[in-house]
Protein backbone atom coordinates (compact mmCIF):
# COMPACT_ATOMS: atom_id res chain seq x y z
CA ARG A 1 -31.25 70.97 67.03
CA THR A 2 -33.57 68.19 67.82
CA THR A 3 -37.45 67.56 66.75
CA ILE A 4 -39.80 65.73 69.40
CA ARG A 5 -43.52 65.04 68.82
CA THR A 6 -45.81 65.21 71.82
CA ASN A 7 -48.15 62.66 72.35
CA PRO A 8 -51.96 64.03 71.96
CA LEU A 9 -52.91 61.05 73.64
CA LYS A 10 -50.90 62.54 77.08
CA PRO A 11 -50.49 65.99 78.22
CA ARG A 12 -51.23 69.11 75.53
CA ARG A 13 -48.16 70.40 73.92
CA LYS A 14 -48.34 73.68 75.77
CA GLU A 15 -48.17 71.81 79.49
CA LEU A 16 -45.48 69.29 78.22
CA ALA A 17 -43.34 72.50 76.74
CA ALA A 18 -43.44 73.92 80.15
CA GLN A 19 -42.49 70.94 81.86
CA LEU A 20 -39.62 70.77 79.47
CA ILE A 21 -38.50 74.43 79.87
CA SER A 22 -38.46 73.86 83.69
CA ARG A 23 -36.02 71.09 83.34
CA GLY A 24 -33.43 73.21 81.12
CA MET A 25 -34.49 72.79 77.60
CA ASN A 26 -34.75 75.57 75.21
CA LEU A 27 -37.82 75.00 72.66
CA ASP A 28 -39.94 76.65 70.22
CA PRO A 29 -43.18 74.81 68.65
CA ILE A 30 -41.72 73.83 65.11
CA ASP A 31 -44.08 75.39 63.12
CA LYS A 32 -47.43 76.62 62.19
CA TRP A 33 -48.03 73.53 59.81
CA SER A 34 -48.04 71.15 62.96
CA ALA A 35 -50.15 71.09 66.17
CA VAL A 36 -47.53 68.64 67.84
CA GLY A 37 -43.95 69.24 67.06
CA LEU A 38 -41.70 71.01 69.45
CA VAL A 39 -37.63 72.00 68.29
CA ILE A 40 -35.15 71.51 70.80
CA TYR A 41 -32.33 74.09 70.40
CA ASP A 42 -30.31 72.65 73.39
CA SER A 43 -30.88 71.05 76.87
CA THR A 44 -29.08 70.52 79.98
CA VAL A 45 -30.54 67.16 80.40
CA PRO A 46 -30.68 64.03 77.84
CA ILE A 47 -33.76 64.35 75.89
CA GLY A 48 -34.49 60.56 75.62
CA ALA A 49 -34.19 60.24 79.25
CA THR A 50 -36.44 62.37 81.01
CA PRO A 51 -39.66 61.23 83.25
CA GLU A 52 -41.80 63.01 80.40
CA TYR A 53 -40.12 60.91 77.58
CA LEU A 54 -40.23 57.60 79.88
CA ALA A 55 -43.93 58.41 80.63
CA GLY A 56 -44.52 58.22 76.40
CA HIS A 57 -45.45 62.10 76.57
CA TYR A 58 -43.02 62.67 73.41
CA MET A 59 -41.53 61.00 70.88
CA LEU A 60 -37.98 61.86 68.98
CA GLN A 61 -39.14 62.14 65.75
CA SER A 62 -37.73 63.94 62.61
CA ALA A 63 -40.02 66.75 61.57
CA SER A 64 -40.27 65.31 57.68
CA SER A 65 -41.53 61.82 58.92
CA PHE A 66 -44.78 64.02 60.45
CA LEU A 67 -45.81 64.66 56.61
CA PRO A 68 -46.94 61.35 55.68
CA CYS A 69 -49.16 60.71 58.64
CA ILE A 70 -50.89 64.24 57.92
CA ALA A 71 -51.27 63.30 54.52
CA LEU A 72 -52.92 59.71 55.36
CA ALA A 73 -55.08 61.49 57.82
CA PRO A 74 -56.54 58.22 59.50
CA GLN A 75 -60.29 58.50 61.00
CA GLU A 76 -61.45 56.96 64.02
CA GLN A 77 -62.62 53.32 63.84
CA GLU A 78 -60.95 52.59 60.70
CA LYS A 79 -58.67 49.69 59.80
CA VAL A 80 -54.93 51.04 59.07
CA LEU A 81 -51.86 49.48 58.02
CA ASP A 82 -48.39 50.65 58.45
CA MET A 83 -46.23 48.43 56.29
CA CYS A 84 -42.87 49.48 57.34
CA ALA A 85 -43.31 50.88 61.16
CA SER A 86 -40.12 50.48 62.87
CA PRO A 87 -39.17 52.20 65.09
CA GLY A 88 -42.52 53.43 65.84
CA GLY A 89 -42.85 57.21 65.19
CA LYS A 90 -45.40 57.20 62.78
CA SER A 91 -47.37 54.15 63.82
CA THR A 92 -47.80 55.99 67.32
CA TYR A 93 -48.94 59.28 65.69
CA LEU A 94 -51.43 57.50 63.52
CA ALA A 95 -52.77 55.45 66.76
CA ALA A 96 -52.71 59.22 68.36
CA MET A 97 -54.91 60.51 65.00
CA MET A 98 -57.31 57.68 65.41
CA LYS A 99 -57.94 58.58 69.14
CA ASN A 100 -56.95 54.47 70.34
CA THR A 101 -59.78 53.56 67.90
CA GLY A 102 -60.30 50.82 65.32
CA VAL A 103 -57.16 48.96 64.57
CA LEU A 104 -53.80 49.51 63.43
CA PHE A 105 -51.45 46.99 61.90
CA SER A 106 -47.85 48.06 62.53
CA ASN A 107 -45.61 45.76 60.46
CA ASP A 108 -41.80 45.40 59.86
CA ALA A 109 -40.31 42.75 58.01
CA ASN A 110 -36.91 42.76 60.17
CA PRO A 111 -37.55 40.98 63.23
CA LYS A 112 -34.95 42.03 64.97
CA ARG A 113 -36.75 45.79 64.83
CA LEU A 114 -39.81 44.87 66.37
CA LYS A 115 -38.41 44.81 70.18
CA SER A 116 -38.23 48.60 69.62
CA LEU A 117 -41.53 48.93 67.86
CA ALA A 118 -43.45 47.39 70.62
CA ALA A 119 -41.59 49.31 72.95
CA ASN A 120 -42.44 52.41 71.56
CA ILE A 121 -46.38 51.73 70.96
CA GLN A 122 -46.47 50.51 74.68
CA ARG A 123 -44.72 53.88 76.08
CA MET A 124 -46.74 56.07 74.10
CA GLY A 125 -50.14 54.54 75.47
CA VAL A 126 -51.21 53.13 72.28
CA ARG A 127 -53.63 50.42 72.78
CA ASN A 128 -55.54 49.62 69.07
CA SER A 129 -52.21 48.35 67.47
CA VAL A 130 -51.38 45.14 66.32
CA VAL A 131 -47.64 44.37 65.78
CA THR A 132 -47.27 42.19 63.05
CA ASN A 133 -43.74 40.66 61.20
CA TYR A 134 -44.14 40.20 57.71
CA ASP A 135 -42.82 41.02 54.44
CA GLY A 136 -44.51 43.87 53.04
CA ARG A 137 -44.96 42.30 49.76
CA VAL A 138 -46.99 39.23 50.76
CA TYR A 139 -49.46 41.64 53.05
CA PRO A 140 -52.22 41.49 50.68
CA SER A 141 -52.56 37.41 51.62
CA VAL A 142 -52.48 38.43 55.27
CA SER A 143 -55.15 41.28 54.63
CA ALA A 144 -56.72 43.21 51.87
CA SER A 145 -59.18 44.98 53.51
CA PHE A 146 -57.51 48.22 55.01
CA ASP A 147 -59.03 51.51 54.73
CA ARG A 148 -55.63 53.10 54.32
CA VAL A 149 -52.24 52.00 54.17
CA LEU A 150 -48.96 53.90 54.65
CA LEU A 151 -45.98 52.96 52.90
CA ASP A 152 -42.98 54.83 54.25
CA ALA A 153 -40.61 52.86 51.96
CA PRO A 154 -36.91 52.04 52.31
CA CYS A 155 -34.87 53.96 50.48
CA SER A 156 -31.30 55.21 49.77
CA GLY A 157 -31.79 57.93 52.62
CA LEU A 158 -30.02 60.64 50.41
CA GLY A 159 -32.37 63.15 51.86
CA VAL A 160 -30.90 63.26 55.10
CA ILE A 161 -26.99 63.98 54.10
CA SER A 162 -27.42 67.49 55.63
CA LYS A 163 -27.99 65.42 58.80
CA ASP A 164 -25.72 62.43 58.09
CA PRO A 165 -22.63 63.63 55.62
CA SER A 166 -21.61 59.93 55.75
CA VAL A 167 -24.63 59.07 53.72
CA ARG A 168 -23.07 60.41 50.58
CA LEU A 169 -20.24 58.07 50.57
CA GLN A 170 -21.83 54.92 51.62
CA LYS A 171 -24.20 55.01 48.84
CA ASP A 172 -23.98 54.62 44.79
CA GLU A 173 -26.31 53.85 42.02
CA GLY A 174 -26.86 50.16 42.75
CA ASP A 175 -28.42 51.11 45.94
CA ILE A 176 -30.90 53.25 44.28
CA SER A 177 -31.60 50.86 41.54
CA ARG A 178 -32.24 48.20 44.33
CA CYS A 179 -34.22 50.15 46.48
CA SER A 180 -36.43 51.48 43.18
CA ALA A 181 -36.87 47.74 42.57
CA LEU A 182 -38.22 46.43 46.15
CA GLN A 183 -40.34 50.16 46.38
CA LYS A 184 -42.30 48.97 43.11
CA GLU A 185 -43.42 45.91 44.70
CA LEU A 186 -43.71 47.43 48.02
CA ILE A 187 -46.22 49.87 46.67
CA LEU A 188 -48.29 47.27 44.35
CA ALA A 189 -48.48 45.33 47.82
CA ALA A 190 -50.13 48.40 49.58
CA ILE A 191 -52.49 49.28 47.07
CA ASP A 192 -53.62 45.67 46.96
CA SER A 193 -53.91 45.65 50.78
CA VAL A 194 -56.29 48.50 50.47
CA ASP A 195 -60.05 47.88 50.07
CA ALA A 196 -61.36 49.89 47.40
CA ARG A 197 -65.22 50.07 48.69
CA SER A 198 -64.02 51.63 52.08
CA LYS A 199 -66.80 54.11 52.90
CA THR A 200 -64.23 56.21 54.74
CA GLY A 201 -60.71 55.56 53.35
CA GLY A 202 -59.30 53.58 50.23
CA TYR A 203 -56.11 55.75 50.37
CA ILE A 204 -52.44 55.02 50.18
CA VAL A 205 -49.63 57.14 51.09
CA PHE A 206 -46.48 56.72 49.60
CA SER A 207 -43.22 58.57 51.33
CA THR A 208 -39.24 58.20 51.40
CA CYS A 209 -36.44 60.17 52.87
CA THR A 210 -34.65 60.47 49.63
CA ILE A 211 -34.88 63.13 46.85
CA THR A 212 -34.05 60.80 43.63
CA VAL A 213 -36.49 60.75 40.90
CA GLU A 214 -35.86 56.94 40.47
CA GLU A 215 -37.33 56.25 44.19
CA ASN A 216 -40.04 58.48 44.11
CA GLU A 217 -41.88 59.83 41.01
CA ALA A 218 -40.66 56.91 38.91
CA THR A 219 -41.86 54.65 41.55
CA ILE A 220 -45.62 56.38 41.63
CA ASP A 221 -45.81 56.50 37.67
CA TYR A 222 -45.11 52.75 37.74
CA ALA A 223 -47.99 52.27 40.06
CA LEU A 224 -50.46 54.49 38.10
CA LYS A 225 -49.78 51.94 35.10
CA ARG A 226 -50.46 48.70 36.98
CA ARG A 227 -53.41 49.58 39.40
CA HIS A 228 -56.60 51.10 39.09
CA VAL A 229 -55.63 54.36 41.09
CA LYS A 230 -55.11 57.91 40.98
CA LEU A 231 -52.91 60.52 42.81
CA VAL A 232 -54.89 63.02 44.65
CA GLU A 233 -54.08 66.03 46.88
CA THR A 234 -51.78 65.27 49.92
CA GLY A 235 -53.48 67.78 52.23
CA LEU A 236 -49.99 69.36 52.72
CA ASP A 237 -50.09 73.03 51.96
CA PHE A 238 -46.40 73.59 51.51
CA GLY A 239 -43.51 71.58 49.67
CA VAL A 240 -42.66 71.39 45.93
CA PRO A 241 -44.62 69.71 43.49
CA GLY A 242 -43.05 66.73 42.31
CA PHE A 243 -41.76 66.23 38.83
CA ALA A 244 -44.04 65.64 35.95
CA ARG A 245 -40.76 65.40 33.47
CA PHE A 246 -37.14 64.77 34.32
CA ARG A 247 -34.50 64.94 32.28
CA GLY A 248 -36.37 63.56 29.15
CA LYS A 249 -38.66 61.17 31.00
CA ASN A 250 -42.53 62.22 31.02
CA PHE A 251 -44.61 60.90 33.70
CA HIS A 252 -48.21 61.11 34.42
CA PRO A 253 -49.16 64.52 34.52
CA SER A 254 -51.07 64.22 37.91
CA LEU A 255 -47.46 63.66 39.45
CA ASN A 256 -47.49 67.35 40.23
CA LEU A 257 -49.91 66.33 43.05
CA THR A 258 -47.23 64.84 45.05
CA ARG A 259 -44.87 66.58 47.42
CA ARG A 260 -41.13 67.26 47.44
CA PHE A 261 -39.34 68.53 50.62
CA TYR A 262 -35.70 69.85 50.37
CA PRO A 263 -33.29 70.82 53.36
CA HIS A 264 -32.44 73.99 52.07
CA VAL A 265 -35.99 75.14 51.44
CA HIS A 266 -38.07 73.66 54.39
CA ASN A 267 -35.50 73.32 57.16
CA MET A 268 -36.22 69.67 57.27
CA ASP A 269 -34.59 66.43 55.84
CA GLY A 270 -35.37 65.77 52.23
CA PHE A 271 -38.60 64.03 51.71
CA PHE A 272 -41.29 62.88 49.47
CA VAL A 273 -45.11 62.17 49.66
CA ALA A 274 -47.38 60.87 47.48
CA LYS A 275 -51.05 60.10 48.13
CA LEU A 276 -53.26 57.60 46.12
CA LYS A 277 -57.01 56.72 46.16
CA LYS A 278 -57.74 53.45 44.80
CA LEU A 279 -60.62 53.34 42.44
CA SER A 280 -60.98 49.17 42.08
CA ASN A 281 -59.97 46.25 43.44
CA VAL A 282 -59.68 44.74 40.46
CA LYS A 283 -55.50 43.82 40.32
CA GLY A 284 -54.19 45.15 37.42
CA PRO A 285 -53.99 48.39 35.71
CA LYS A 286 -57.33 50.67 34.77
CA PRO A 287 -60.01 48.50 33.34
CA VAL A 288 -60.56 49.40 29.58
CA PRO A 289 -63.94 50.36 28.24
CA ASP A 290 -65.51 48.49 25.67
CA GLY A 291 -64.09 49.67 21.95
CA VAL A 292 -61.09 50.92 23.54
CA LYS A 293 -58.25 49.14 21.84
CA ASP A 294 -55.50 47.73 24.46
CA LYS A 295 -52.18 48.80 24.17
CA THR A 296 -50.60 45.84 26.01
CA LYS A 297 -46.88 45.54 27.14
CA GLY A 298 -45.90 42.62 29.31
CA GLY A 299 -49.47 41.83 30.12
CA ASP A 300 -49.97 45.60 31.44
CA VAL A 301 -52.58 47.62 29.65
CA GLU A 302 -51.08 51.01 29.82
CA ASP A 303 -52.60 54.68 28.68
CA ALA A 304 -55.86 52.72 27.48
CA VAL A 305 -58.06 55.55 28.72
CA SER A 306 -56.72 59.01 28.06
CA GLU A 307 -54.84 61.34 30.35
CA ASP A 308 -57.69 63.78 30.06
CA GLU A 309 -60.06 61.28 31.75
CA ASP A 310 -57.26 60.45 34.43
CA MET A 311 -56.68 64.34 35.40
CA GLU A 312 -60.75 64.91 35.20
CA GLU A 313 -61.07 62.21 38.31
CA VAL A 314 -58.18 63.79 39.90
CA GLU A 315 -60.03 67.04 39.80
CA GLY A 316 -63.21 65.66 40.97
CA GLU A 317 -61.78 63.97 43.90
CA GLU A 318 -59.78 67.06 44.95
CA SER A 319 -62.48 69.17 46.76
CA GLY A 320 -63.51 66.53 49.02
CA GLU A 321 -60.19 65.32 49.62
CA GLU A 322 -59.13 68.66 50.96
CA GLY A 323 -61.75 68.91 53.12
CA GLU A 324 -60.85 65.40 55.01
CA SER A 325 -57.47 66.02 55.33
CA GLY A 326 -58.04 69.20 56.71
């Protein structure tokens, strides 16, 4: 089975489905949580070579990669960054959600991947995108005024083993450690690229296609300790809550607001999604109120304000955030 995402900038899903069925495809809507997905069970024609595909009516894209875009929920006229954009599935979805307004920066650090990124952006009829080629870690020096940032971070890819069993033999603990270290640098850069004063945004979505705690909850917990941000609801009404505790490690209790997706439970690639709200443009951890003693480790103030206060902030944000994401 193959998943495609229909292009909201082109014909509607119902019309496209009828066209593809007439070409010999056996398909169904993906599920009630997505208004743009179709699952193709079999086809008598190449799925990636139909006139509709070449005209940008749909994108070959896994269902799990819809999720971070839905969580980010970009609004019209916003300034948005897709930090690791190639080959463009998420960027073109974000542009469609923005209705081709505002400006979308589609970035990738690998110059060899820019060709496919730019080609997909053009094919899908995106007109509000700028393609850039920067290491994501330096993006705050390029611009720190984004309303929202999507970081679909480089990872070990262990969530796609059900689709590509060779991944299990190609990866080891060293790969996980290297990916985790890179992700920690990238997520701080993603946070620093967002303007906390944004009237409509101030959000960062972090996602991976892996299920390891080191590359998911541990990375988010790292960011919570080093930047003035908090976790908020993802806006996704399914998935399993992330771990607040795992094998003796205790993370911030708000980690249960993140979402995990498993192949054997949700019938899609293993995936992780977290949504952060930036509270201040001051680099570093949460500003410490007067009279509160700093607990500094390596220059970072940790747990200076009680976890209870953090949770009160999260709970106060949830009601408004759910309305905006829905």
